[in-house]
Amino acid sequence: MTVNDDEELAALVRRAADAAAAFIRGDIRTYLGLLPHADDYTLMSPYGGAAHGFDHSDASLDATAAWFQGGEAQLEVVQTYRAGDLAVIAAIERQHGVVGGLPAQDWSLRVTLVFRRDDGEWRLVHRHADALVHTIDHAQLSVLARGTA
């Protein structure tokens, strides 16, 4: 990596941190301005499953904004990687807020963000997030794996 690569990756980390803070506040449009999504974007959300693409419709953005009703977030970077036009940020989003009408609480997530530079712009191509910030034992994991929790 060159010094420029390090600066570029550091700027991408700052954008990801600002985007996480915007998202938990329900400011989805700022989030998308900070982290534009590639057309072939995939999401493995903390609710399970996998989704392809991102719905940019006003109805979808408004519903997301209403779901995340306020809070704050800080990005705790675990590791970053960069190879040419691909960059990865492995981090913990330390979040606290009101989500889905539940009382304010810890909503911290382990996240992996994969970016690809398209036409000179970093675009998010993959996000994987889960709530396993705190370790669990084998029995708890087996319940989650079976989908019976």
C-alpha atoms as a PDB file:
ATOM      1  CA  MET A   1       0.000   0.000   0.000  1.00  0.00           C
ATOM      2  CA  THR A   2       1.133   3.518  -0.704  1.00  0.00           C
ATOM      3  CA  VAL A   3       0.669   6.454   1.649  1.00  0.00           C
ATOM      4  CA  ASN A   4      -2.163   7.637  -0.632  1.00  0.00           C
ATOM      5  CA  ASP A   5      -3.856   4.233  -0.229  1.00  0.00           C
ATOM      6  CA  ASP A   6      -3.611   4.556   3.562  1.00  0.00           C
ATOM      7  CA  GLU A   7      -5.147   8.041   3.440  1.00  0.00           C
ATOM      8  CA  GLU A   8      -7.869   6.845   1.086  1.00  0.00           C
ATOM      9  CA  LEU A   9      -8.713   3.896   3.349  1.00  0.00           C
ATOM     10  CA  ALA A  10      -8.699   6.148   6.422  1.00  0.00           C
ATOM     11  CA  ALA A  11     -11.155   8.486   4.666  1.00  0.00           C
ATOM     12  CA  LEU A  12     -13.368   5.504   3.827  1.00  0.00           C
ATOM     13  CA  VAL A  13     -13.349   4.450   7.494  1.00  0.00           C
ATOM     14  CA  ARG A  14     -14.394   7.984   8.537  1.00  0.00           C
ATOM     15  CA  ARG A  15     -17.240   7.894   6.010  1.00  0.00           C
ATOM     16  CA  ALA A  16     -18.360   4.489   7.318  1.00  0.00           C
ATOM     17  CA  ALA A  17     -18.357   5.856  10.885  1.00  0.00           C
ATOM     18  CA  ASP A  18     -20.390   8.904   9.876  1.00  0.00           C
ATOM     19  CA  ALA A  19     -22.768   6.663   7.901  1.00  0.00           C
ATOM     20  CA  ALA A  20     -23.367   4.371  10.902  1.00  0.00           C
ATOM     21  CA  ALA A  21     -24.220   7.403  13.043  1.00  0.00           C
ATOM     22  CA  ALA A  22     -26.619   8.710  10.379  1.00  0.00           C
ATOM     23  CA  PHE A  23     -28.312   5.315   9.987  1.00  0.00           C
ATOM     24  CA  ILE A  24     -29.117   4.820  13.692  1.00  0.00           C
ATOM     25  CA  ARG A  25     -30.586   8.350  13.711  1.00  0.00           C
ATOM     26  CA  GLY A  26     -32.860   7.361  10.832  1.00  0.00           C
ATOM     27  CA  ASP A  27     -31.077   9.669   8.396  1.00  0.00           C
ATOM     28  CA  ILE A  28     -30.990   7.106   5.594  1.00  0.00           C
ATOM     29  CA  ARG A  29     -30.427   9.651   2.828  1.00  0.00           C
ATOM     30  CA  THR A  30     -27.270  10.973   4.500  1.00  0.00           C
ATOM     31  CA  TYR A  31     -26.175   7.361   5.015  1.00  0.00           C
ATOM     32  CA  LEU A  32     -26.552   6.667   1.293  1.00  0.00           C
ATOM     33  CA  GLY A  33     -24.742   9.896   0.415  1.00  0.00           C
ATOM     34  CA  LEU A  34     -21.797   8.775   2.511  1.00  0.00           C
ATOM     35  CA  LEU A  35     -21.824   5.144   1.348  1.00  0.00           C
ATOM     36  CA  PRO A  36     -23.267   4.830  -2.138  1.00  0.00           C
ATOM     37  CA  HIS A  37     -24.282   1.246  -2.875  1.00  0.00           C
ATOM     38  CA  ALA A  38     -23.227  -0.634  -5.988  1.00  0.00           C
ATOM     39  CA  ASP A  39     -25.909  -2.028  -8.268  1.00  0.00           C
ATOM     40  CA  ASP A  40     -24.816  -5.567  -7.305  1.00  0.00           C
ATOM     41  CA  TYR A  41     -24.900  -4.822  -3.553  1.00  0.00           C
ATOM     42  CA  THR A  42     -25.641  -7.716  -1.181  1.00  0.00           C
ATOM     43  CA  LEU A  43     -26.818  -7.530   2.418  1.00  0.00           C
ATOM     44  CA  MET A  44     -26.625 -10.175   5.107  1.00  0.00           C
ATOM     45  CA  SER A  45     -28.577  -8.361   7.795  1.00  0.00           C
ATOM     46  CA  PRO A  46     -28.652  -9.112  11.524  1.00  0.00           C
ATOM     47  CA  TYR A  47     -32.232 -10.341  11.004  1.00  0.00           C
ATOM     48  CA  GLY A  48     -30.957 -13.173   8.809  1.00  0.00           C
ATOM     49  CA  GLY A  49     -31.159 -14.130   5.185  1.00  0.00           C
ATOM     50  CA  ALA A  50     -29.454 -12.457   2.254  1.00  0.00           C
ATOM     51  CA  ALA A  51     -30.729  -9.695  -0.002  1.00  0.00           C
ATOM     52  CA  HIS A  52     -29.513  -8.538  -3.389  1.00  0.00           C
ATOM     53  CA  GLY A  53     -29.702  -4.924  -4.471  1.00  0.00           C
ATOM     54  CA  PHE A  54     -30.832  -1.884  -2.517  1.00  0.00           C
ATOM     55  CA  ASP A  55     -34.294  -0.380  -2.761  1.00  0.00           C
ATOM     56  CA  HIS A  56     -33.809   3.369  -3.277  1.00  0.00           C
ATOM     57  CA  SER A  57     -37.532   4.107  -3.566  1.00  0.00           C
ATOM     58  CA  ASP A  58     -38.919   6.905  -1.403  1.00  0.00           C
ATOM     59  CA  ALA A  59     -41.301   4.437   0.270  1.00  0.00           C
ATOM     60  CA  SER A  60     -38.443   2.126   1.285  1.00  0.00           C
ATOM     61  CA  LEU A  61     -36.214   4.969   2.455  1.00  0.00           C
ATOM     62  CA  ASP A  62     -39.053   6.512   4.465  1.00  0.00           C
ATOM     63  CA  ALA A  63     -39.857   3.152   6.105  1.00  0.00           C
ATOM     64  CA  THR A  64     -36.202   2.660   7.052  1.00  0.00           C
ATOM     65  CA  ALA A  65     -36.016   6.195   8.443  1.00  0.00           C
ATOM     66  CA  ALA A  66     -39.108   5.540  10.570  1.00  0.00           C
ATOM     67  CA  TRP A  67     -37.691   2.226  11.881  1.00  0.00           C
ATOM     68  CA  PHE A  68     -34.473   3.843  13.176  1.00  0.00           C
ATOM     69  CA  GLN A  69     -35.806   6.552  15.442  1.00  0.00           C
ATOM     70  CA  GLY A  70     -32.683   8.032  16.984  1.00  0.00           C
ATOM     71  CA  GLY A  71     -29.467   7.154  18.667  1.00  0.00           C
ATOM     72  CA  GLU A  72     -25.747   7.369  18.351  1.00  0.00           C
ATOM     73  CA  ALA A  73     -23.016   5.186  16.942  1.00  0.00           C
ATOM     74  CA  GLN A  74     -19.257   4.904  16.962  1.00  0.00           C
ATOM     75  CA  LEU A  75     -17.239   2.655  14.698  1.00  0.00           C
ATOM     76  CA  GLU A  76     -14.676   0.472  16.453  1.00  0.00           C
ATOM     77  CA  VAL A  77     -12.399  -0.771  13.675  1.00  0.00           C
ATOM     78  CA  VAL A  78     -11.107  -4.302  14.151  1.00  0.00           C
ATOM     79  CA  GLN A  79      -9.168  -4.553  10.873  1.00  0.00           C
ATOM     80  CA  THR A  80      -8.985  -2.978   7.436  1.00  0.00           C
ATOM     81  CA  TYR A  81      -7.790  -4.505   4.194  1.00  0.00           C
ATOM     82  CA  ARG A  82      -7.074  -2.997   0.803  1.00  0.00           C
ATOM     83  CA  ALA A  83      -6.152  -4.684  -2.472  1.00  0.00           C
ATOM     84  CA  GLY A  84      -6.366  -2.511  -5.559  1.00  0.00           C
ATOM     85  CA  ASP A  85      -9.969  -1.489  -6.098  1.00  0.00           C
ATOM     86  CA  LEU A  86     -11.327  -3.556  -3.167  1.00  0.00           C
ATOM     87  CA  ALA A  87     -11.378  -2.500   0.467  1.00  0.00           C
ATOM     88  CA  VAL A  88     -12.759  -4.237   3.552  1.00  0.00           C
ATOM     89  CA  ILE A  89     -13.591  -2.806   6.948  1.00  0.00           C
ATOM     90  CA  ALA A  90     -14.208  -5.284   9.775  1.00  0.00           C
ATOM     91  CA  ALA A  91     -15.636  -3.388  12.726  1.00  0.00           C
ATOM     92  CA  ILE A  92     -18.047  -3.172  15.596  1.00  0.00           C
ATOM     93  CA  GLU A  93     -20.711  -0.511  15.297  1.00  0.00           C
ATOM     94  CA  ARG A  94     -21.146   0.523  18.946  1.00  0.00           C
ATOM     95  CA  GLN A  95     -24.713   1.793  18.788  1.00  0.00           C
ATOM     96  CA  HIS A  96     -27.371   2.823  21.259  1.00  0.00           C
ATOM     97  CA  GLY A  97     -30.780   3.985  20.187  1.00  0.00           C
ATOM     98  CA  VAL A  98     -34.462   3.463  19.509  1.00  0.00           C
ATOM     99  CA  VAL A  99     -35.091   0.877  16.795  1.00  0.00           C
ATOM    100  CA  GLY A 100     -38.428  -0.505  15.678  1.00  0.00           C
ATOM    101  CA  GLY A 101     -40.338   1.118  18.527  1.00  0.00           C
ATOM    102  CA  LEU A 102     -38.390  -0.678  21.262  1.00  0.00           C
ATOM    103  CA  PRO A 103     -36.989   1.354  24.157  1.00  0.00           C
ATOM    104  CA  ALA A 104     -33.536   2.869  23.723  1.00  0.00           C
ATOM    105  CA  GLN A 105     -30.955   0.122  24.141  1.00  0.00           C
ATOM    106  CA  ASP A 106     -27.625  -1.226  22.944  1.00  0.00           C
ATOM    107  CA  TRP A 107     -27.851  -2.081  19.221  1.00  0.00           C
ATOM    108  CA  SER A 108     -24.186  -2.835  18.659  1.00  0.00           C
ATOM    109  CA  LEU A 109     -23.339  -4.983  15.659  1.00  0.00           C
ATOM    110  CA  ARG A 110     -20.321  -6.765  14.250  1.00  0.00           C
ATOM    111  CA  VAL A 111     -20.051  -5.636  10.638  1.00  0.00           C
ATOM    112  CA  THR A 112     -18.016  -6.430   7.579  1.00  0.00           C
ATOM    113  CA  LEU A 113     -18.185  -3.812   4.847  1.00  0.00           C
ATOM    114  CA  VAL A 114     -16.770  -4.570   1.400  1.00  0.00           C
ATOM    115  CA  PHE A 115     -16.163  -1.705  -1.009  1.00  0.00           C
ATOM    116  CA  ARG A 116     -15.231  -1.630  -4.673  1.00  0.00           C
ATOM    117  CA  ARG A 117     -13.963   1.422  -6.501  1.00  0.00           C
ATOM    118  CA  ASP A 118     -16.133   1.978  -9.576  1.00  0.00           C
ATOM    119  CA  ASP A 119     -15.273   4.896 -11.858  1.00  0.00           C
ATOM    120  CA  GLY A 120     -13.129   6.453  -9.136  1.00  0.00           C
ATOM    121  CA  GLU A 121     -15.790   6.228  -6.405  1.00  0.00           C
ATOM    122  CA  TRP A 122     -15.888   3.765  -3.520  1.00  0.00           C
ATOM    123  CA  ARG A 123     -19.218   1.919  -3.502  1.00  0.00           C
ATOM    124  CA  LEU A 124     -20.492  -0.510  -0.889  1.00  0.00           C
ATOM    125  CA  VAL A 125     -20.874  -3.927  -2.508  1.00  0.00           C
ATOM    126  CA  HIS A 126     -21.498  -6.059   0.579  1.00  0.00           C
ATOM    127  CA  ARG A 127     -22.537  -5.621   4.213  1.00  0.00           C
ATOM    128  CA  HIS A 128     -22.704  -8.420   6.727  1.00  0.00           C
ATOM    129  CA  ALA A 129     -23.955  -7.539  10.211  1.00  0.00           C
ATOM    130  CA  ASP A 130     -24.808  -9.584  13.264  1.00  0.00           C
ATOM    131  CA  ALA A 131     -25.509  -8.938  16.911  1.00  0.00           C
ATOM    132  CA  LEU A 132     -22.877 -11.331  18.265  1.00  0.00           C
ATOM    133  CA  VAL A 133     -20.806  -8.536  19.786  1.00  0.00           C
ATOM    134  CA  HIS A 134     -20.868 -10.427  23.082  1.00  0.00           C
ATOM    135  CA  THR A 135     -19.712 -14.035  23.031  1.00  0.00           C
ATOM    136  CA  ILE A 136     -22.271 -16.797  23.432  1.00  0.00           C
ATOM    137  CA  ASP A 137     -21.855 -20.429  24.348  1.00  0.00           C
ATOM    138  CA  HIS A 138     -22.334 -23.475  22.145  1.00  0.00           C
ATOM    139  CA  ALA A 139     -25.885 -24.145  23.359  1.00  0.00           C
ATOM    140  CA  GLN A 140     -26.982 -20.593  22.522  1.00  0.00           C
ATOM    141  CA  LEU A 141     -25.350 -20.830  19.106  1.00  0.00           C
ATOM    142  CA  SER A 142     -27.122 -24.107  18.392  1.00  0.00           C
ATOM    143  CA  VAL A 143     -30.489 -22.469  19.126  1.00  0.00           C
ATOM    144  CA  LEU A 144     -29.678 -19.651  16.698  1.00  0.00           C
ATOM    145  CA  ALA A 145     -28.447 -22.113  14.061  1.00  0.00           C
ATOM    146  CA  ARG A 146     -31.709 -24.092  14.313  1.00  0.00           C
ATOM    147  CA  GLY A 147     -33.762 -20.899  14.071  1.00  0.00           C
ATOM    148  CA  THR A 148     -35.770 -21.755  17.180  1.00  0.00           C
ATOM    149  CA  ALA A 149     -34.790 -18.752  19.312  1.00  0.00           C
END
